[in-house]
């Protein structure tokens, strides 16, 4: 069956711009944001607080400007990414504002104001990406420079600029601001992995050593020389786990590394080797380092009185689970509940706040939006003809989905609580800007994948491998 979003041109189906659909979805997202902000303001203050009007106007103007930009620069880009990101950002600001107002802190909405500023900065970064990364394939020209930049960002918290908060050394201090470099490093690492593995995938997939017992094949594994990328990825993950005490980022980056590696090679042996190596490294870290043991003890014995009452114990995660249960099916509403009393309920545990205020219904809706964002990234990957673009989009989709699993898994004690943030929603500028940067990159990749290409000869469909046009500007000079 033909794609309904395509039109017939000379007997072939060609994609058409979908900016009209994007505008309709964007207006629906802004309507949902307005309803959430209005409901929160009426429930908490009894009227419409001027601050919530400002939030809606700024988010609306920023997202509509992005929409207009896409109409002129990327008309074939995915029409769902921007509305979903806008809805999640708007709901995140709503929850943060409601929590701050419920705490009665003065000034009550400073954190929400700051989140609005970072949202606008993120939208600006997204717009700049759409404007200046028009040919994402050219990023492969800077593969090792991007890898070096990512490595520097990951190591910055270990430098004198590093800033430790609650035992974790994830941030660097820049004047009045703190920045979490690993959030931007993960964006760059996906680009490096996609470029490197895209070029080496045949060697990594086909050249192996086979282990036999009595002439019977038991197992095939990569050659030792080809294990270097795995070793680098494993080393970075363990370094983050030990050096910065950042279990969440360590788990996210290594999981993404394995996902992109498996997608490039389709070899299960890589995944098995990676999981064994990471598990072994994590176990050694558990034996040697107290902060790792403490996280595991909280996870395994959260409801024990001595663990619950201990400084830095399980109070946070247990109270979060109680708040989730208290929210029930439909939630307590923005004016009730006790999520505002839980530490980091507007950042690490913002999904707990959503579950309490909006109930299981609201939480499922938010999770559906988050996984819809990941699904669109996977769809972009499937639609891309270029291996680099395919792996890049897949990596960003996996980061989003796995991030949500780590956050929700930690909040419900499926895995240890790691301090990760929920994409687009949690308070904090670094993660929010990195997520909007991912939106910009996915938009340019989807534009490249869906943009019609002219055929060399009549009667062949655009995009057919025999007729695909290669823009020489995307080819390194030495290969022309």
Protein backbone atom coordinates (compact mmCIF):
# COMPACT_ATOMS: atom_id res chain seq x y z
CA UNK A 1 0.00 0.00 0.00
CA UNK A 2 1.30 3.45 -0.85
CA UNK A 3 2.27 5.78 1.94
CA UNK A 4 -0.64 8.26 2.36
CA UNK A 5 1.90 10.98 3.00
CA UNK A 6 3.29 10.61 -0.52
CA UNK A 7 2.13 11.81 -3.90
CA UNK A 8 2.43 10.26 -7.35
CA UNK A 9 4.99 11.89 -9.61
CA UNK A 10 5.62 10.30 -13.04
CA UNK A 11 4.22 7.02 -11.73
CA UNK A 12 6.38 6.98 -8.58
CA UNK A 13 5.42 7.79 -5.01
CA UNK A 14 7.27 10.73 -3.52
CA UNK A 15 7.05 12.07 0.04
CA UNK A 16 5.30 15.39 0.57
CA UNK A 17 5.95 18.05 3.23
CA UNK A 18 3.95 17.56 6.41
CA UNK A 19 4.29 20.92 8.06
CA UNK A 20 0.50 21.32 8.14
CA UNK A 21 0.19 18.19 10.26
CA UNK A 22 3.01 19.45 12.45
CA UNK A 23 1.21 22.77 13.00
CA UNK A 24 -2.00 21.00 14.01
CA UNK A 25 -0.13 18.76 16.46
CA UNK A 26 1.85 21.71 17.77
CA UNK A 27 -1.32 23.68 18.49
CA UNK A 28 -2.71 20.62 20.28
CA UNK A 29 0.48 20.43 22.37
CA UNK A 30 0.23 24.10 23.27
CA UNK A 31 -3.44 23.60 24.14
CA UNK A 32 -2.51 20.76 26.49
CA UNK A 33 0.21 22.93 28.04
CA UNK A 34 -2.28 25.78 28.53
CA UNK A 35 -4.76 23.40 30.17
CA UNK A 36 -2.09 22.01 32.51
CA UNK A 37 -0.76 25.44 33.49
CA UNK A 38 -4.26 26.84 33.97
CA UNK A 39 -5.38 23.88 36.09
CA UNK A 40 -2.29 24.09 38.27
CA UNK A 41 -2.68 27.83 38.78
CA UNK A 42 -6.39 27.59 39.62
CA UNK A 43 -5.80 24.72 42.04
CA UNK A 44 -2.91 26.34 43.89
CA UNK A 45 -3.60 30.10 43.76
CA UNK A 46 -7.33 30.22 42.99
CA UNK A 47 -6.68 32.27 39.85
CA UNK A 48 -4.42 32.62 36.82
CA UNK A 49 -0.95 33.53 37.99
CA UNK A 50 0.81 35.94 35.59
CA UNK A 51 3.84 33.63 35.61
CA UNK A 52 1.95 30.78 33.92
CA UNK A 53 0.79 33.14 31.18
CA UNK A 54 4.42 34.08 30.56
CA UNK A 55 5.43 30.42 30.41
CA UNK A 56 2.74 29.63 27.84
CA UNK A 57 3.55 32.65 25.66
CA UNK A 58 7.30 31.97 25.61
CA UNK A 59 6.89 28.25 24.89
CA UNK A 60 4.28 29.00 22.23
CA UNK A 61 6.33 31.66 20.46
CA UNK A 62 9.51 29.57 20.60
CA UNK A 63 7.89 26.45 19.19
CA UNK A 64 6.00 28.34 16.47
CA UNK A 65 9.20 30.09 15.37
CA UNK A 66 10.82 26.65 15.08
CA UNK A 67 7.84 25.47 13.04
CA UNK A 68 8.16 28.39 10.62
CA UNK A 69 11.90 27.76 10.33
CA UNK A 70 11.22 24.13 9.40
CA UNK A 71 8.72 25.19 6.73
CA UNK A 72 11.49 27.01 4.89
CA UNK A 73 14.61 24.98 5.69
CA UNK A 74 13.46 21.40 6.31
CA UNK A 75 9.96 20.92 4.84
CA UNK A 76 10.27 17.12 4.74
CA UNK A 77 11.42 16.73 8.35
CA UNK A 78 9.50 14.52 10.77
CA UNK A 79 6.26 16.31 11.81
CA UNK A 80 5.88 14.72 15.26
CA UNK A 81 9.20 15.39 17.02
CA UNK A 82 8.66 19.11 17.63
CA UNK A 83 5.09 18.80 19.03
CA UNK A 84 6.10 15.96 21.36
CA UNK A 85 9.17 17.81 22.65
CA UNK A 86 7.07 20.96 23.17
CA UNK A 87 4.37 19.09 25.10
CA UNK A 88 6.92 17.39 27.37
CA UNK A 89 8.76 20.66 28.03
CA UNK A 90 5.51 22.46 28.81
CA UNK A 91 4.34 19.76 31.21
CA UNK A 92 7.76 19.70 32.87
CA UNK A 93 7.58 23.43 33.58
CA UNK A 94 4.03 22.99 34.90
CA UNK A 95 5.08 20.28 37.37
CA UNK A 96 8.15 22.25 38.49
CA UNK A 97 6.06 25.40 39.04
CA UNK A 98 3.39 23.49 40.97
CA UNK A 99 5.97 21.86 43.24
CA UNK A 100 7.72 25.16 43.92
CA UNK A 101 4.44 26.92 44.71
CA UNK A 102 3.35 24.08 47.01
CA UNK A 103 6.59 24.39 48.97
CA UNK A 104 5.87 28.05 49.59
CA UNK A 105 9.46 29.05 48.89
CA UNK A 106 10.26 32.68 48.10
CA UNK A 107 10.34 33.59 45.31
CA UNK A 108 8.02 30.70 44.63
CA UNK A 109 8.69 30.08 40.95
CA UNK A 110 12.42 30.75 40.58
CA UNK A 111 13.15 27.18 39.47
CA UNK A 112 10.33 27.26 36.90
CA UNK A 113 11.61 30.60 35.57
CA UNK A 114 15.06 29.08 35.20
CA UNK A 115 13.59 26.05 33.43
CA UNK A 116 11.80 28.36 31.01
CA UNK A 117 15.09 30.10 30.26
CA UNK A 118 16.79 26.76 29.54
CA UNK A 119 13.86 25.66 27.38
CA UNK A 120 14.21 28.79 25.26
CA UNK A 121 17.98 28.24 25.06
CA UNK A 122 17.36 24.64 23.99
CA UNK A 123 14.92 25.70 21.28
CA UNK A 124 17.50 28.20 20.05
CA UNK A 125 20.14 25.46 19.92
CA UNK A 126 17.69 23.28 17.99
CA UNK A 127 17.09 26.09 15.50
CA UNK A 128 20.83 26.65 15.02
CA UNK A 129 21.29 22.93 14.40
CA UNK A 130 18.57 22.92 11.74
CA UNK A 131 20.12 25.99 10.10
CA UNK A 132 23.79 25.00 10.12
CA UNK A 133 23.76 21.18 10.03
CA UNK A 134 21.87 20.95 6.75
CA UNK A 135 23.96 17.99 5.59
CA UNK A 136 24.46 15.80 8.67
CA UNK A 137 26.46 13.27 6.62
CA UNK A 138 29.34 15.73 6.64
CA UNK A 139 29.78 15.21 10.39
CA UNK A 140 31.70 12.05 9.45
CA UNK A 141 34.54 14.31 8.28
CA UNK A 142 35.19 15.17 11.94
CA UNK A 143 34.84 11.70 13.48
CA UNK A 144 37.91 11.73 15.70
CA UNK A 145 37.65 15.41 16.54
CA UNK A 146 34.11 14.74 17.81
CA UNK A 147 35.40 11.75 19.81
CA UNK A 148 38.12 13.91 21.38
CA UNK A 149 35.58 16.60 22.30
CA UNK A 150 33.33 13.98 23.91
CA UNK A 151 36.24 12.54 25.90
CA UNK A 152 37.25 15.99 27.15
CA UNK A 153 33.67 16.68 28.23
CA UNK A 154 33.50 13.38 30.13
CA UNK A 155 36.78 14.08 31.94
CA UNK A 156 36.07 17.73 32.82
CA UNK A 157 34.32 16.90 36.14
CA UNK A 158 37.56 15.22 37.28
CA UNK A 159 39.49 18.45 36.67
CA UNK A 160 39.78 21.37 39.13
CA UNK A 161 36.62 22.76 37.50
CA UNK A 162 34.68 19.77 38.83
CA UNK A 163 31.83 20.44 41.23
CA UNK A 164 30.61 17.72 43.61
CA UNK A 165 26.99 17.56 44.76
CA UNK A 166 25.78 14.92 47.22
CA UNK A 167 28.80 12.74 46.58
CA UNK A 168 28.54 12.73 42.77
CA UNK A 169 31.07 14.68 40.71
CA UNK A 170 29.08 15.22 37.51
CA UNK A 171 29.21 18.99 37.14
CA UNK A 172 31.65 21.79 36.43
CA UNK A 173 31.23 25.25 37.89
CA UNK A 174 31.16 28.19 35.45
CA UNK A 175 30.50 31.31 37.50
CA UNK A 176 26.94 31.21 38.84
CA UNK A 177 26.04 28.20 36.68
CA UNK A 178 26.84 24.51 36.91
CA UNK A 179 27.04 22.45 33.73
CA UNK A 180 26.84 18.66 33.36
CA UNK A 181 29.24 17.96 30.47
CA UNK A 182 28.24 14.30 30.12
CA UNK A 183 24.84 15.36 28.76
CA UNK A 184 26.52 16.92 25.72
CA UNK A 185 29.14 14.17 25.55
CA UNK A 186 26.46 11.54 24.96
CA UNK A 187 25.23 13.47 21.90
CA UNK A 188 28.75 13.57 20.45
CA UNK A 189 29.52 9.95 21.32
CA UNK A 190 26.55 8.71 19.30
CA UNK A 191 27.87 10.62 16.26
CA UNK A 192 31.34 9.13 16.74
CA UNK A 193 30.00 5.59 17.20
CA UNK A 194 27.75 5.86 14.15
CA UNK A 195 30.62 7.13 12.00
CA UNK A 196 33.24 4.66 13.23
CA UNK A 197 31.00 1.59 13.28
CA UNK A 198 29.41 2.54 9.97
CA UNK A 199 32.83 2.28 8.32
CA UNK A 200 34.00 -0.80 10.22
CA UNK A 201 30.79 -2.78 10.42
CA UNK A 202 31.80 -5.39 7.80
CA UNK A 203 35.02 -6.23 9.65
CA UNK A 204 33.33 -6.29 13.04
CA UNK A 205 30.44 -8.40 11.76
CA UNK A 206 32.20 -10.91 9.51
CA UNK A 207 35.76 -11.38 10.74
CA UNK A 208 35.57 -13.58 13.84
CA UNK A 209 37.30 -16.44 15.61
CA UNK A 210 35.32 -19.65 15.95
CA UNK A 211 35.68 -21.85 19.01
CA UNK A 212 35.01 -25.55 18.46
CA UNK A 213 34.87 -28.61 20.69
CA UNK A 214 35.34 -31.87 18.88
CA UNK A 215 34.77 -30.19 15.55
CA UNK A 216 31.45 -28.74 16.68
CA UNK A 217 31.08 -24.97 16.58
CA UNK A 218 30.35 -23.70 20.08
CA UNK A 219 30.88 -19.96 19.91
CA UNK A 220 32.23 -17.29 17.58
CA UNK A 221 33.72 -14.07 18.86
CA UNK A 222 35.46 -11.00 17.39
CA UNK A 223 39.22 -11.01 16.96
CA UNK A 224 41.24 -9.53 19.82
CA UNK A 225 42.39 -6.62 17.65
CA UNK A 226 38.77 -5.70 16.90
CA UNK A 227 37.89 -5.52 20.59
CA UNK A 228 39.54 -2.09 20.91
CA UNK A 229 36.27 -0.13 20.54
CA UNK A 230 34.65 -2.35 23.16
CA UNK A 231 37.61 -1.77 25.46
CA UNK A 232 37.38 2.00 25.07
CA UNK A 233 33.63 1.98 25.74
CA UNK A 234 34.06 -0.29 28.76
CA UNK A 235 36.89 1.87 30.11
CA UNK A 236 34.86 5.07 29.83
CA UNK A 237 31.88 3.47 31.56
CA UNK A 238 33.95 2.19 34.48
CA UNK A 239 35.82 5.51 34.72
CA UNK A 240 32.52 7.34 35.05
CA UNK A 241 31.27 4.82 37.59
CA UNK A 242 34.36 5.14 39.76
CA UNK A 243 35.75 8.60 39.10
CA UNK A 244 32.58 10.70 39.06
CA UNK A 245 30.32 8.31 41.04
CA UNK A 246 27.81 8.63 38.20
CA UNK A 247 26.19 5.21 37.86
CA UNK A 248 23.37 6.50 35.63
CA UNK A 249 25.51 8.07 32.92
CA UNK A 250 27.86 5.09 33.00
CA UNK A 251 24.96 2.70 32.43
CA UNK A 252 23.36 4.91 29.75
CA UNK A 253 26.52 5.42 27.70
CA UNK A 254 27.60 1.79 27.76
CA UNK A 255 24.06 0.61 26.97
CA UNK A 256 23.94 2.99 24.00
CA UNK A 257 27.36 1.77 22.88
CA UNK A 258 26.16 -1.84 22.87
CA UNK A 259 22.90 -0.95 21.09
CA UNK A 260 24.65 0.90 18.25
CA UNK A 261 27.31 -1.81 18.00
CA UNK A 262 24.68 -4.53 17.72
CA UNK A 263 22.69 -2.53 15.17
CA UNK A 264 25.82 -2.09 13.04
CA UNK A 265 27.00 -5.71 13.17
CA UNK A 266 23.92 -7.82 14.10
CA UNK A 267 26.26 -10.03 16.17
CA UNK A 268 24.97 -11.18 19.56
CA UNK A 269 28.51 -12.04 20.65
CA UNK A 270 29.35 -8.33 20.93
CA UNK A 271 26.42 -7.78 23.27
CA UNK A 272 27.34 -10.82 25.37
CA UNK A 273 30.98 -9.75 25.68
CA UNK A 274 29.94 -6.21 26.56
CA UNK A 275 27.47 -7.29 29.24
CA UNK A 276 29.98 -9.67 30.81
CA UNK A 277 32.71 -7.01 30.80
CA UNK A 278 30.48 -4.32 32.30
CA UNK A 279 29.09 -6.69 34.94
CA UNK A 280 32.60 -7.75 35.93
CA UNK A 281 33.76 -4.14 36.17
CA UNK A 282 30.70 -3.13 38.18
CA UNK A 283 31.22 -6.04 40.59
CA UNK A 284 34.85 -5.08 41.17
CA UNK A 285 33.72 -1.47 41.76
CA UNK A 286 31.15 -2.78 44.26
CA UNK A 287 33.90 -4.57 46.18
CA UNK A 288 36.34 -1.65 46.14
CA UNK A 289 34.27 1.52 46.44
CA UNK A 290 31.91 2.48 49.24
CA UNK A 291 29.60 4.72 47.21
CA UNK A 292 28.82 1.85 44.83
CA UNK A 293 28.10 -0.50 47.74
CA UNK A 294 25.85 2.13 49.31
CA UNK A 295 23.71 2.40 46.15
CA UNK A 296 23.32 -1.37 46.01
CA UNK A 297 22.45 -1.62 49.72
CA UNK A 298 19.76 1.05 49.34
CA UNK A 299 18.36 -0.84 46.36
CA UNK A 300 18.30 -4.24 48.04
CA UNK A 301 17.22 -3.20 51.54
CA UNK A 302 15.26 0.01 50.95
CA UNK A 303 12.51 -0.82 53.45
CA UNK A 304 14.83 -1.82 56.30
CA UNK A 305 14.51 0.80 59.12
CA UNK A 306 18.27 1.26 59.49
CA UNK A 307 18.65 1.88 55.75
CA UNK A 308 15.57 4.13 55.56
CA UNK A 309 16.70 6.32 58.49
CA UNK A 310 20.40 6.48 57.61
CA UNK A 311 21.82 9.76 56.20
CA UNK A 312 21.70 9.40 52.43
CA UNK A 313 19.63 6.25 52.86
CA UNK A 314 16.49 5.03 51.12
CA UNK A 315 14.11 7.74 52.39
CA UNK A 316 13.94 9.42 48.98
CA UNK A 317 13.09 6.37 46.91
CA UNK A 318 10.66 4.88 49.46
CA UNK A 319 8.75 8.15 49.79
CA UNK A 320 8.67 8.35 46.01
CA UNK A 321 7.04 4.93 45.78
CA UNK A 322 4.50 5.96 48.42
CA UNK A 323 3.70 9.10 46.39
CA UNK A 324 3.17 6.99 43.27
CA UNK A 325 0.77 4.74 45.16
CA UNK A 326 -1.01 7.74 46.69
CA UNK A 327 -1.67 9.17 43.22
CA UNK A 328 -3.83 6.19 42.31
CA UNK A 329 -5.52 6.11 38.92
CA UNK A 330 -6.44 9.78 38.48
CA UNK A 331 -4.02 11.56 40.82
CA UNK A 332 -4.34 13.97 43.72
CA UNK A 333 -4.40 17.09 41.57
CA UNK A 334 -1.81 19.85 41.59
CA UNK A 335 -2.88 21.19 45.00
CA UNK A 336 -2.59 17.99 47.05
CA UNK A 337 -0.11 15.23 47.79
CA UNK A 338 3.36 15.38 49.33
CA UNK A 339 5.69 15.02 46.33
CA UNK A 340 6.98 18.54 46.98
CA UNK A 341 8.49 17.26 50.25
CA UNK A 342 10.60 14.62 48.48
CA UNK A 343 14.16 15.56 47.61
CA UNK A 344 14.72 16.06 43.84
CA UNK A 345 11.02 15.60 43.05
CA UNK A 346 11.40 18.21 40.30
CA UNK A 347 14.48 16.61 38.73
CA UNK A 348 15.51 12.99 39.34
CA UNK A 349 12.02 11.96 40.51
CA UNK A 350 9.82 14.19 38.37
CA UNK A 351 8.00 11.11 37.03
CA UNK A 352 7.04 10.36 40.64
CA UNK A 353 5.55 13.86 40.87
CA UNK A 354 3.64 13.27 37.62
CA UNK A 355 2.34 9.96 38.97
CA UNK A 356 1.13 11.55 42.20
CA UNK A 357 -0.39 14.72 40.74
CA UNK A 358 -1.90 13.18 37.58
CA UNK A 359 -2.20 9.54 38.63
CA UNK A 360 -1.39 6.44 36.65
CA UNK A 361 -3.41 7.86 33.75
CA UNK A 362 -1.24 10.96 33.49
CA UNK A 363 1.97 9.01 34.01
CA UNK A 364 1.08 6.56 31.24
CA UNK A 365 0.30 9.49 28.93
CA UNK A 366 3.71 11.05 29.65
CA UNK A 367 5.48 7.72 29.11
CA UNK A 368 3.58 7.32 25.84
CA UNK A 369 4.90 10.70 24.66
CA UNK A 370 8.45 9.81 25.65
CA UNK A 371 8.33 6.48 23.86
CA UNK A 372 6.63 8.10 20.87
CA UNK A 373 9.67 10.36 20.62
CA UNK A 374 11.94 7.30 20.69
CA UNK A 375 9.72 5.53 18.14
CA UNK A 376 10.01 8.46 15.73
CA UNK A 377 13.80 8.28 16.04
CA UNK A 378 13.71 4.55 15.23
CA UNK A 379 11.39 5.27 12.30
CA UNK A 380 13.81 7.88 10.99
CA UNK A 381 16.59 5.30 11.28
CA UNK A 382 14.59 2.77 9.27
CA UNK A 383 13.85 5.36 6.57
CA UNK A 384 17.46 6.53 6.17
CA UNK A 385 19.47 5.14 3.25
CA UNK A 386 22.81 6.17 4.71
CA UNK A 387 24.33 3.87 7.36
CA UNK A 388 25.78 6.74 9.39
CA UNK A 389 22.45 8.57 9.58
CA UNK A 390 20.65 5.31 10.33
CA UNK A 391 22.92 4.50 13.29
CA UNK A 392 22.85 8.08 14.58
CA UNK A 393 19.05 8.21 14.68
CA UNK A 394 18.90 4.77 16.26
CA UNK A 395 21.38 5.85 18.94
CA UNK A 396 19.31 8.89 19.89
CA UNK A 397 16.14 6.82 20.01
CA UNK A 398 17.81 4.29 22.29
CA UNK A 399 19.19 7.03 24.56
CA UNK A 400 15.68 8.41 25.08
CA UNK A 401 14.04 5.05 25.74
CA UNK A 402 16.83 3.69 27.95
CA UNK A 403 17.01 6.96 29.89
CA UNK A 404 13.31 6.64 30.77
CA UNK A 405 13.85 3.02 31.84
CA UNK A 406 16.76 4.02 34.11
CA UNK A 407 14.74 6.84 35.72
CA UNK A 408 11.52 4.89 36.23
CA UNK A 409 13.37 1.69 37.11
CA UNK A 410 15.29 3.53 39.83
CA UNK A 411 12.13 5.19 41.18
CA UNK A 412 10.39 1.81 41.50
CA UNK A 413 13.45 -0.16 42.75
CA UNK A 414 13.72 -2.31 39.63
CA UNK A 415 17.32 -1.08 39.47
CA UNK A 416 19.35 1.14 41.84
CA UNK A 417 18.37 4.82 41.80
CA UNK A 418 20.96 6.59 39.67
CA UNK A 419 20.09 10.29 39.62
CA UNK A 420 19.31 10.46 35.90
CA UNK A 421 16.90 13.05 34.51
CA UNK A 422 13.73 12.55 32.46
CA UNK A 423 14.12 13.92 28.89
CA UNK A 424 12.64 17.42 28.40
CA UNK A 425 10.92 17.44 31.81
CA UNK A 426 13.41 17.39 34.70
CA UNK A 427 14.75 20.63 36.13
CA UNK A 428 18.23 21.36 34.86
CA UNK A 429 19.71 23.15 31.89
CA UNK A 430 22.36 20.76 30.57
CA UNK A 431 20.05 17.80 29.98
CA UNK A 432 17.31 20.00 28.54
CA UNK A 433 19.62 21.69 26.04
CA UNK A 434 21.17 18.35 25.05
CA UNK A 435 17.70 16.92 24.40
CA UNK A 436 16.73 19.87 22.20
CA UNK A 437 20.04 19.42 20.36
CA UNK A 438 18.98 15.82 19.68
CA UNK A 439 15.65 17.13 18.34
CA UNK A 440 17.52 19.38 15.91
CA UNK A 441 19.77 16.56 14.71
CA UNK A 442 16.85 14.15 14.26
CA UNK A 443 14.97 16.80 12.28
CA UNK A 444 17.89 17.30 9.89
CA UNK A 445 18.39 13.53 9.54
CA UNK A 446 14.70 12.99 8.78
CA UNK A 447 14.78 15.83 6.25
CA UNK A 448 17.75 14.19 4.53
CA UNK A 449 16.04 10.78 4.56
CA UNK A 450 12.70 12.00 3.18
CA UNK A 451 13.87 14.68 0.77
CA UNK A 452 12.95 13.66 -2.82
CA UNK A 453 15.89 12.87 -5.07
CA UNK A 454 15.87 13.10 -8.82
CA UNK A 455 16.36 9.96 -10.90
CA UNK A 456 19.10 9.63 -13.49
CA UNK A 457 16.73 7.91 -15.85
CA UNK A 458 13.00 7.96 -16.39
CA UNK A 459 10.82 5.19 -15.10
CA UNK A 460 12.85 4.48 -11.94
CA UNK A 461 11.56 5.52 -8.54
CA UNK A 462 13.40 8.21 -6.59
CA UNK A 463 15.53 6.68 -3.84
CA UNK A 464 16.12 3.46 -5.83
CA UNK A 465 19.74 2.42 -5.18
CA UNK A 466 20.39 2.42 -8.93
CA UNK A 467 19.33 6.03 -9.26
CA UNK A 468 20.32 7.58 -5.95
CA UNK A 469 22.10 10.92 -6.36
CA UNK A 470 25.21 11.58 -4.30
CA UNK A 471 25.92 15.20 -3.48
CA UNK A 472 29.66 15.72 -3.95
CA UNK A 473 29.62 18.21 -1.09
CA UNK A 474 29.00 15.24 1.22
CA UNK A 475 32.05 13.35 -0.07
CA UNK A 476 35.52 13.95 1.43
CA UNK A 477 37.86 15.68 -1.04
CA UNK A 478 40.24 12.73 -1.18
CA UNK A 479 37.46 10.42 -2.37
CA UNK A 480 36.10 12.61 -5.17
